[in-house]
Protein backbone atom coordinates (compact mmCIF):
# COMPACT_ATOMS: atom_id res chain seq x y z
CA MET A 1 -5.26 -19.82 -8.70
CA LEU A 2 -3.91 -16.90 -10.76
CA PHE A 3 -4.09 -13.33 -9.50
CA ALA A 4 -3.15 -10.65 -12.04
CA SER A 5 -1.06 -7.66 -11.00
CA GLY A 6 -0.48 -4.60 -13.15
CA ALA A 7 3.21 -4.54 -12.18
CA ASP A 8 5.81 -6.69 -10.50
CA LEU A 9 5.69 -6.66 -6.71
CA GLN A 10 8.66 -4.23 -6.46
CA THR A 11 10.15 -6.26 -3.59
CA ILE A 12 9.02 -9.06 -1.31
CA ASN A 13 10.92 -7.47 1.61
CA PRO A 14 8.41 -5.76 3.96
CA LEU A 15 11.13 -3.43 5.26
CA LEU A 16 11.37 -1.77 1.85
CA THR A 17 8.12 -1.78 -0.07
CA VAL A 18 5.37 0.77 -0.61
CA HIS A 19 3.64 -1.34 -3.29
CA PRO A 20 0.11 -2.14 -1.98
CA LEU A 21 -0.21 -5.64 -3.46
CA ALA A 22 3.33 -6.53 -2.37
CA LYS A 23 2.38 -5.62 1.19
CA GLN A 24 -0.71 -7.84 0.90
CA VAL A 25 1.44 -10.76 -0.25
CA GLN A 26 4.00 -10.18 2.49
CA LYS A 27 1.62 -10.16 5.44
CA ASN A 28 -1.07 -12.59 4.21
CA VAL A 29 0.84 -15.08 2.06
CA LEU A 30 4.57 -15.46 2.72
CA LEU A 31 5.02 -14.02 6.21
CA VAL A 32 3.05 -13.11 9.34
CA THR A 33 2.47 -9.95 11.34
CA LEU A 34 2.31 -9.64 15.10
CA ALA A 35 -1.38 -8.67 15.01
CA ARG A 36 -4.03 -8.16 12.37
CA TYR A 37 -7.28 -6.22 12.05
CA ASP A 38 -10.64 -7.94 12.05
CA SER A 39 -13.53 -6.79 9.86
CA THR A 40 -14.46 -4.13 12.44
CA LEU A 41 -10.91 -2.71 12.23
CA THR A 42 -10.05 -3.84 15.75
CA PRO A 43 -6.51 -5.24 16.29
CA GLN A 44 -6.59 -8.96 17.07
CA PRO A 45 -3.82 -11.35 18.17
CA TYR A 46 -1.93 -13.23 15.48
CA PHE A 47 1.73 -14.21 15.89
CA ALA A 48 1.53 -12.24 19.14
CA ARG A 49 -1.11 -14.37 20.85
CA ARG A 50 -1.75 -11.74 23.51
CA TRP A 51 -0.28 -8.51 24.84
CA ASP A 52 -0.24 -6.58 28.07
CA TRP A 53 0.13 -2.87 28.80
CA SER A 54 1.75 -1.55 31.91
CA ALA A 55 -0.43 0.55 34.21
CA ASP A 56 1.04 3.77 32.78
CA ARG A 57 0.70 2.47 29.18
CA ARG A 58 4.36 3.10 28.49
CA THR A 59 5.35 -0.57 28.22
CA LEU A 60 3.84 -3.08 25.82
CA THR A 61 4.65 -6.77 26.33
CA LEU A 62 3.98 -9.11 23.40
CA HIS A 63 3.57 -12.84 24.07
CA LEU A 64 4.36 -14.77 20.90
CA TYR A 65 3.10 -18.09 19.56
CA GLY A 66 5.79 -20.67 20.24
CA GLY A 67 5.20 -23.16 17.43
CA LEU A 68 5.83 -21.16 14.26
CA ARG A 69 8.75 -22.16 12.03
CA TRP A 70 10.46 -20.61 9.06
CA HIS A 71 10.05 -22.64 5.91
CA ASP A 72 13.65 -23.86 6.27
CA GLY A 73 12.74 -25.47 9.60
CA ARG A 74 14.20 -22.86 11.98
CA PRO A 75 11.85 -21.62 14.72
CA THR A 76 10.47 -18.09 14.52
CA THR A 77 11.28 -16.40 17.83
CA ALA A 78 11.37 -13.09 19.61
CA ARG A 79 14.83 -12.54 18.12
CA ASP A 80 13.24 -12.29 14.66
CA VAL A 81 10.71 -9.75 15.93
CA VAL A 82 13.36 -7.58 17.58
CA PHE A 83 15.56 -7.78 14.49
CA THR A 84 12.65 -6.71 12.25
CA LEU A 85 11.57 -3.80 14.42
CA ASP A 86 15.14 -2.62 14.99
CA ALA A 87 15.80 -2.69 11.24
CA ALA A 88 12.57 -0.79 10.56
CA ARG A 89 13.49 2.01 12.96
CA ASP A 90 16.99 2.41 11.57
CA PRO A 91 16.96 5.24 8.97
CA ALA A 92 19.65 3.42 6.96
CA THR A 93 17.16 0.66 6.10
CA GLY A 94 14.72 3.00 4.38
CA TYR A 95 11.53 1.56 5.88
CA PRO A 96 8.70 3.73 4.49
CA ARG A 97 6.94 3.95 7.87
CA LEU A 98 10.04 4.91 9.85
CA SER A 99 8.14 7.71 11.59
CA ASP A 100 5.83 5.14 13.22
CA PHE A 101 8.76 4.07 15.39
CA ALA A 102 9.66 7.57 16.54
CA GLY A 103 7.94 6.92 19.87
CA VAL A 104 9.69 3.61 20.62
CA ARG A 105 12.37 4.22 23.22
CA ASP A 106 13.56 0.64 23.64
CA LEU A 107 12.69 -2.91 22.62
CA ARG A 108 14.12 -6.25 23.66
CA ALA A 109 13.41 -9.96 23.82
CA THR A 110 13.22 -11.33 27.35
CA ASP A 111 12.94 -14.92 26.09
CA ASP A 112 12.08 -16.74 22.86
CA THR A 113 8.38 -15.84 23.04
CA THR A 114 8.35 -12.44 24.74
CA VAL A 115 9.12 -9.00 23.33
CA VAL A 116 8.94 -5.79 25.36
CA LEU A 117 8.52 -2.34 23.80
CA ARG A 118 8.95 0.81 25.87
CA PHE A 119 7.66 4.27 25.03
CA PRO A 120 8.60 7.64 26.56
CA THR A 121 4.96 8.72 26.88
CA PRO A 122 1.67 6.84 27.37
CA VAL A 123 0.29 5.17 24.22
CA ALA A 124 -3.46 5.25 23.72
CA ARG A 125 -3.86 2.34 21.30
CA PHE A 126 -2.11 -0.71 19.91
CA PRO A 127 0.51 0.51 17.40
CA ASP A 128 -0.94 0.15 13.92
CA VAL A 129 2.49 -0.52 12.41
CA LEU A 130 2.59 -3.88 14.22
CA THR A 131 -0.38 -5.01 12.14
CA ASP A 132 1.32 -3.91 8.91
CA LEU A 133 4.99 -4.87 9.16
CA ALA A 134 5.57 -8.58 8.60
CA VAL A 135 8.34 -10.31 10.56
CA VAL A 136 11.49 -11.24 8.60
CA PRO A 137 14.08 -13.95 9.42
CA ALA A 138 16.99 -12.65 11.48
CA HIS A 139 19.12 -15.71 10.74
CA LEU A 140 19.02 -14.95 6.99
CA LEU A 141 19.25 -11.15 7.08
CA ASP A 142 21.39 -10.25 10.10
CA THR A 143 24.59 -10.36 8.04
CA VAL A 144 23.21 -7.79 5.59
CA SER A 145 23.95 -4.14 6.31
CA ARG A 146 20.89 -1.98 6.81
CA ALA A 147 21.92 0.25 3.93
CA GLY A 148 22.36 -2.85 1.75
CA MET A 149 18.97 -4.38 2.51
CA ARG A 150 17.72 -3.73 -1.03
CA ARG A 151 20.51 -5.98 -2.38
CA ALA A 152 19.90 -8.87 0.02
CA ALA A 153 19.81 -12.29 -1.64
CA TRP A 154 16.74 -13.10 0.47
CA ASN A 155 14.71 -10.60 -1.57
CA GLU A 156 14.97 -12.85 -4.63
CA HIS A 157 14.70 -16.21 -2.86
CA PRO A 158 12.72 -15.48 0.31
CA VAL A 159 12.23 -17.98 3.10
CA GLY A 160 8.99 -17.18 4.88
CA ASN A 161 6.97 -18.50 7.80
CA GLY A 162 3.43 -17.85 6.53
CA PRO A 163 0.62 -19.97 5.10
CA PHE A 164 2.29 -20.15 1.67
CA THR A 165 5.88 -20.99 0.76
CA PHE A 166 7.89 -19.29 -1.97
CA VAL A 167 8.41 -21.39 -5.11
CA THR A 168 9.83 -19.11 -7.79
CA HIS A 169 9.99 -15.57 -9.12
CA GLU A 170 10.41 -14.63 -12.76
CA ALA A 171 11.05 -10.89 -12.92
CA ASN A 172 8.16 -8.94 -14.46
CA ARG A 173 6.33 -12.22 -15.13
CA ARG A 174 5.15 -14.02 -12.01
CA TRP A 175 5.55 -14.98 -8.35
CA VAL A 176 4.59 -18.53 -7.42
CA PHE A 177 3.63 -19.65 -3.90
CA ALA A 178 2.55 -23.08 -2.67
CA ALA A 179 0.36 -23.97 0.30
CA ASN A 180 2.29 -24.62 3.50
CA PRO A 181 0.72 -27.82 4.92
CA ASP A 182 2.50 -27.25 8.25
CA PHE A 183 1.13 -23.79 8.95
CA PRO A 184 -0.15 -23.97 12.54
CA PRO A 185 -3.91 -24.36 13.10
CA ASP A 186 -3.67 -21.77 15.88
CA LEU A 187 -2.75 -19.21 13.21
CA GLY A 188 -5.35 -20.34 10.71
CA GLY A 189 -3.95 -23.61 9.40
CA ALA A 190 -3.00 -24.62 5.88
CA PRO A 191 -4.69 -22.65 3.08
CA LYS A 192 -7.25 -24.32 0.84
CA LEU A 193 -5.55 -23.20 -2.37
CA GLU A 194 -2.73 -25.47 -3.51
CA ARG A 195 -0.95 -22.65 -5.34
CA LEU A 196 -1.23 -18.90 -5.56
CA ILE A 197 0.38 -17.35 -8.62
CA VAL A 198 0.70 -13.59 -8.98
CA VAL A 199 1.10 -12.94 -12.70
CA VAL A 200 2.25 -9.59 -14.07
CA VAL A 201 -0.02 -8.21 -16.79
CA ASP A 202 0.79 -4.55 -17.28
CA GLU A 203 -1.67 -3.66 -20.06
CA PRO A 204 -5.28 -3.20 -18.83
CA THR A 205 -6.82 -4.51 -22.06
CA THR A 206 -4.60 -7.60 -21.97
CA LYS A 207 -5.55 -8.18 -18.36
CA LEU A 208 -9.25 -7.91 -19.20
CA ALA A 209 -8.89 -10.30 -22.13
CA ALA A 210 -7.05 -12.81 -19.91
CA LEU A 211 -9.85 -12.64 -17.35
CA ALA A 212 -12.54 -13.13 -20.00
CA ALA A 213 -10.65 -16.09 -21.48
CA GLY A 214 -10.23 -17.76 -18.10
CA ASP A 215 -6.45 -17.40 -18.18
CA VAL A 216 -6.47 -15.56 -14.83
CA ASP A 217 -8.91 -15.79 -11.93
CA PHE A 218 -8.61 -12.23 -10.62
CA ALA A 219 -7.80 -9.00 -12.39
CA GLY A 220 -8.09 -5.43 -11.25
CA ILE A 221 -10.26 -3.81 -13.90
CA ASN A 222 -11.00 -0.33 -15.13
CA PRO A 223 -14.39 0.77 -13.73
CA ALA A 224 -15.48 1.36 -17.34
CA HIS A 225 -15.24 -2.41 -17.89
CA ALA A 226 -17.28 -3.46 -14.84
CA ALA A 227 -20.54 -3.76 -16.78
CA PHE A 228 -18.83 -5.89 -19.44
CA VAL A 229 -17.45 -8.28 -16.80
CA ARG A 230 -20.82 -8.59 -15.05
CA ARG A 231 -22.42 -9.68 -18.34
CA ARG A 232 -19.93 -12.50 -18.85
CA ALA A 233 -21.05 -15.95 -17.74
CA GLY A 234 -18.75 -17.29 -15.05
CA LEU A 235 -17.39 -13.87 -14.02
CA ALA A 236 -18.29 -11.48 -11.21
CA VAL A 237 -17.21 -8.04 -10.04
CA VAL A 238 -15.90 -7.57 -6.51
CA ASP A 239 -16.26 -3.95 -5.42
CA TYR A 240 -14.76 -2.96 -2.06
CA PRO A 241 -13.45 0.12 -0.19
CA LEU A 242 -9.75 0.87 -0.18
CA LEU A 243 -7.51 2.80 2.16
CA VAL A 244 -6.07 4.54 -0.89
CA THR A 245 -6.39 8.23 -1.64
CA TYR A 246 -5.26 9.69 -4.96
CA GLY A 247 -3.75 13.12 -5.24
CA ILE A 248 -1.23 15.25 -7.07
CA VAL A 249 1.85 15.51 -4.87
CA LEU A 250 3.60 18.83 -5.46
CA ASN A 251 7.33 18.99 -4.72
CA THR A 252 7.78 22.10 -2.59
CA ARG A 253 11.57 21.80 -2.72
CA ARG A 254 11.76 23.20 -6.26
CA PRO A 255 9.99 25.76 -8.47
CA PRO A 256 7.20 26.26 -9.29
CA PHE A 257 5.67 24.54 -6.27
CA ASP A 258 7.83 26.28 -3.71
CA GLN A 259 5.13 28.98 -3.98
CA LEU A 260 1.92 28.50 -1.99
CA ASP A 261 -0.22 30.42 -4.50
CA VAL A 262 0.88 28.11 -7.32
CA ARG A 263 0.11 25.00 -5.26
CA ARG A 264 -3.27 26.41 -4.31
CA ALA A 265 -4.05 27.22 -7.94
CA VAL A 266 -3.56 23.56 -8.90
CA SER A 267 -6.06 22.43 -6.28
CA LEU A 268 -8.60 25.08 -7.26
CA ALA A 269 -8.43 24.12 -10.94
CA ILE A 270 -9.35 20.45 -10.49
CA ASN A 271 -12.92 19.20 -11.00
CA ARG A 272 -13.03 16.15 -8.73
CA ARG A 273 -16.62 15.17 -9.46
CA GLU A 274 -15.76 15.10 -13.17
CA ILE A 275 -12.97 12.63 -12.41
CA VAL A 276 -15.16 10.37 -10.25
CA ASP A 277 -18.08 10.31 -12.69
CA GLY A 278 -16.28 10.46 -16.03
CA TYR A 279 -13.10 8.49 -15.34
CA LEU A 280 -14.09 6.15 -12.49
CA TYR A 281 -17.79 5.60 -13.31
CA GLY A 282 -18.73 6.35 -9.73
CA TYR A 283 -16.31 3.85 -8.15
CA ALA A 284 -14.71 6.47 -5.89
CA THR A 285 -15.49 9.46 -3.67
CA PRO A 286 -14.26 13.00 -4.37
CA ALA A 287 -11.47 13.83 -1.92
CA ALA A 288 -11.57 17.01 0.13
CA GLY A 289 -8.56 15.81 2.10
CA PRO A 290 -6.30 12.80 2.73
CA ILE A 291 -8.62 10.72 4.95
CA PRO A 292 -11.22 8.42 3.32
CA PRO A 293 -14.83 8.64 4.52
CA ASP A 294 -14.53 5.11 5.94
CA LEU A 295 -12.32 6.65 8.63
CA ALA A 296 -14.71 9.51 9.29
CA SER A 297 -14.27 9.25 13.05
CA ALA A 298 -10.58 10.05 12.77
CA ALA A 299 -9.22 13.52 13.48
CA ARG A 300 -8.93 15.26 10.12
CA PRO A 301 -6.55 17.85 8.74
CA ALA A 302 -8.22 20.85 7.10
CA ASP A 303 -10.08 20.00 3.88
CA SER A 304 -8.55 21.03 0.58
CA LEU A 305 -9.97 23.86 -1.49
CA VAL A 306 -13.09 23.40 -3.60
CA GLU A 307 -13.00 23.87 -7.36
CA SER A 308 -12.80 27.48 -8.52
CA PRO A 309 -11.02 28.02 -11.88
CA ASP A 310 -11.47 31.81 -11.67
CA SER A 311 -9.73 31.87 -8.30
CA ALA A 312 -6.93 29.72 -9.72
CA ARG A 313 -6.39 32.16 -12.61
CA ALA A 314 -6.31 35.08 -10.19
CA LEU A 315 -3.59 33.41 -8.13
CA LEU A 316 -1.40 32.98 -11.23
CA HIS A 317 -1.78 36.65 -12.26
CA GLY A 318 -1.81 35.82 -15.97
CA ARG A 319 1.37 33.72 -15.87
CA ARG A 320 1.83 30.51 -17.87
CA ILE A 321 3.60 28.00 -15.64
CA ALA A 322 5.09 24.78 -17.02
CA PHE A 323 5.84 21.61 -15.09
CA GLU A 324 6.20 17.85 -15.57
CA LEU A 325 3.56 15.51 -14.15
CA LEU A 326 4.83 12.01 -13.40
CA THR A 327 2.55 9.01 -13.53
CA VAL A 328 2.76 5.22 -13.80
CA GLY A 329 1.97 3.25 -16.94
CA SER A 330 2.24 3.21 -20.69
CA GLY A 331 -1.37 3.67 -21.80
CA GLU A 332 -3.57 6.59 -22.70
CA ALA A 333 -3.32 8.27 -19.24
CA ALA A 334 -6.96 9.39 -19.27
CA LEU A 335 -6.88 10.72 -15.71
CA GLU A 336 -3.73 12.71 -16.35
CA GLN A 337 -5.21 14.14 -19.54
CA MET A 338 -8.29 15.31 -17.63
CA ILE A 339 -6.02 16.99 -15.11
CA GLN A 340 -3.89 18.45 -17.88
CA ALA A 341 -6.93 20.00 -19.58
CA ARG A 342 -8.28 21.56 -16.38
CA LEU A 343 -4.88 23.00 -15.47
CA ALA A 344 -4.31 24.34 -19.00
CA ALA A 345 -7.53 26.31 -18.71
CA VAL A 346 -6.17 28.34 -15.76
CA GLY A 347 -2.58 28.87 -16.90
CA PHE A 348 -0.52 25.69 -16.50
CA ASP A 349 1.36 23.94 -19.29
CA VAL A 350 1.57 20.33 -18.10
CA ARG A 351 3.84 17.75 -19.69
CA ILE A 352 2.74 14.21 -18.78
CA ARG A 353 5.54 11.69 -18.31
CA GLN A 354 4.69 8.03 -17.83
CA LEU A 355 7.19 5.74 -16.12
CA GLU A 356 7.43 2.07 -15.22
CA LEU A 357 6.56 1.56 -11.55
CA SER A 358 10.07 1.02 -10.14
CA ALA A 359 11.44 4.06 -12.02
CA TYR A 360 8.49 6.12 -10.83
CA LEU A 361 9.01 5.11 -7.20
CA ASP A 362 12.74 5.84 -7.42
CA ARG A 363 12.03 9.34 -8.67
CA LEU A 364 9.51 10.07 -5.92
CA TYR A 365 10.97 8.28 -2.92
CA GLY A 366 14.66 8.54 -3.75
CA ALA A 367 16.87 10.82 -1.69
CA LYS A 368 16.80 13.55 -4.38
CA HIS A 369 12.99 13.53 -4.90
CA GLU A 370 13.43 14.11 -8.63
CA PHE A 371 9.98 15.30 -9.65
CA ASP A 372 7.90 18.45 -10.03
CA ALA A 373 4.51 16.84 -9.44
CA ALA A 374 3.19 13.28 -9.48
CA VAL A 375 -0.16 11.55 -9.51
CA LEU A 376 0.07 9.21 -6.54
CA GLY A 377 -2.18 6.63 -4.95
CA ILE A 378 -1.47 7.06 -1.25
CA GLN A 379 -1.73 3.80 0.66
CA GLY A 380 -3.36 4.62 3.98
CA ASP A 381 -3.13 3.07 7.41
CA PHE A 382 -5.58 3.06 10.28
CA ALA A 383 -3.34 5.13 12.54
CA LEU A 384 -2.95 7.87 9.87
CA GLY A 385 0.83 7.47 9.88
CA TYR A 386 0.78 7.93 6.11
CA LEU A 387 0.07 11.63 6.61
CA SER A 388 3.61 12.21 7.82
CA GLN A 389 4.92 10.16 4.88
CA LEU A 390 3.04 12.47 2.54
CA GLU A 391 4.61 15.49 4.19
CA THR A 392 8.07 13.96 3.81
CA LEU A 393 7.43 13.21 0.14
CA ALA A 394 6.16 16.72 -0.64
CA GLY A 395 8.67 18.49 1.61
CA ALA A 396 6.05 20.50 3.52
CA PRO A 397 3.35 19.97 6.17
CA LEU A 398 -0.18 19.35 4.91
CA THR A 399 -1.21 22.72 6.31
CA ARG A 400 0.92 24.24 3.54
CA GLU A 401 -1.23 22.52 0.88
CA PRO A 402 1.47 20.44 -0.87
CA VAL A 403 -1.06 17.91 -2.21
CA ALA A 404 -4.07 18.48 -4.45
CA PHE A 405 -6.28 15.59 -3.32
CA LEU A 406 -8.40 13.99 -6.06
CA TYR A 407 -10.44 11.01 -4.88
CA HIS A 408 -10.73 8.15 -2.42
CA ALA A 409 -10.53 4.93 -4.40
CA ARG A 410 -12.55 1.75 -4.41
CA GLY A 411 -11.17 -1.56 -5.52
CA VAL A 412 -12.76 -3.15 -8.57
CA GLN A 413 -11.71 -6.73 -9.29
CA GLY A 414 -13.01 -9.02 -11.97
CA MET A 415 -13.28 -12.56 -10.56
CA ASN A 416 -13.79 -16.02 -11.96
CA ARG A 417 -16.77 -17.53 -10.12
CA ARG A 418 -14.92 -20.82 -9.75
CA VAL A 419 -13.08 -19.23 -6.82
CA THR A 420 -15.12 -19.37 -3.61
CA GLY A 421 -14.78 -17.94 -0.11
CA VAL A 422 -13.61 -14.54 -1.37
CA ARG A 423 -13.99 -11.43 0.73
CA MET A 424 -12.21 -8.16 0.03
CA ASP A 425 -12.60 -5.09 2.21
CA LEU A 426 -10.80 -2.10 3.65
CA ARG A 427 -8.00 -4.37 4.88
CA GLY A 428 -7.01 -5.41 1.36
CA GLU A 429 -7.48 -7.91 -1.45
CA LEU A 430 -5.72 -10.89 0.13
CA THR A 431 -6.79 -10.64 3.77
CA THR A 432 -8.89 -13.82 3.54
CA VAL A 433 -6.80 -15.64 0.90
CA THR A 434 -6.20 -18.71 3.10
CA ARG A 435 -9.96 -19.38 2.99
CA TRP A 436 -10.29 -19.11 -0.77
CA ASP A 437 -10.91 -22.30 -2.68
CA VAL A 438 -11.29 -23.36 -6.31
CA ALA A 439 -14.38 -25.33 -7.29
CA PRO A 440 -13.61 -28.60 -9.08
């Protein structure tokens, strides 16, 4: 079964990646997490078969499944869990959700199947990060320095412990995984698919043509092409909510966005409904803030400003302000051009610069944060930990309006009907991949 991706997976190492599909592959294909969310977004046992809280909710004890092995035959134990969590909370590693471990005071393995986490203050709910961070093999990575994790040989030839085994990786072409017949029934058992191949197809029109020709089974499609796919015999459209919010991240560390009035003017100039209707064909929701409507019960930061071009012009006092807007891709950049036109009308001269994904991520997430502004799809999490990541990226708290939020995305996948058992939802594209099958 072939699943098309618009870019390579960046890295297969869960300690390093922010790439949404890479994270899906890590925790649903190659590796396992301690817990996982069910369809009601309630944490359920997985590799941790159960857990206990102390009476004061400052100690969490995880009881692990004892029969899971790495694909090289070594057992997966509490040592692997402690190694993974310790590496994630070491700033030298560069784990994107480092702040999620700020409240962990201590963690240790008391035996091969028990891990104890201690917190300085009571914790109200199961830590979301434990459903997101897949466990990595200590015996293959413990000789690698934390700062050198990006250069680890394991990243290119990973040994996992999940329902699929790694077969091969051809850079910027494909990742190949094969069903693991020995994956324990208690964790879901062997997948129905014999092989899962993630193929890199970076041009949207090429991806659509490959889907129509039957050369791939899944392809993320432009909402404008959804009607075309629905009309094709043998194809279907899978439309599902995402925990992804798009916005323009404004770097407050450098001019011109070190000025609040300039940041506010950007937000006031944007017509979000125009973007949702004209660019996304209704497959999104206008964003008044960073939290999607599917998490409406969550505590929200203040909403962003509504559109008001006249107010934006007033804030700029007749100035023409130039800046570079980074984005990913090599195509026509329709979204960025819509933004560019709206901003030009109030006094901004925007130069669009498209980059390949890895170069884009280096510019944004690198230590120097080498960007003025960037269109970014912000991968959410159920505990809202991504809000602090946004603040780190922009260099200012959200109360200082460092992000002009655009829309909350929906996933739109074209699918070959020969694949059965597919369900995609807020948890991601590959959450149920072990139950997918291909009709003969």
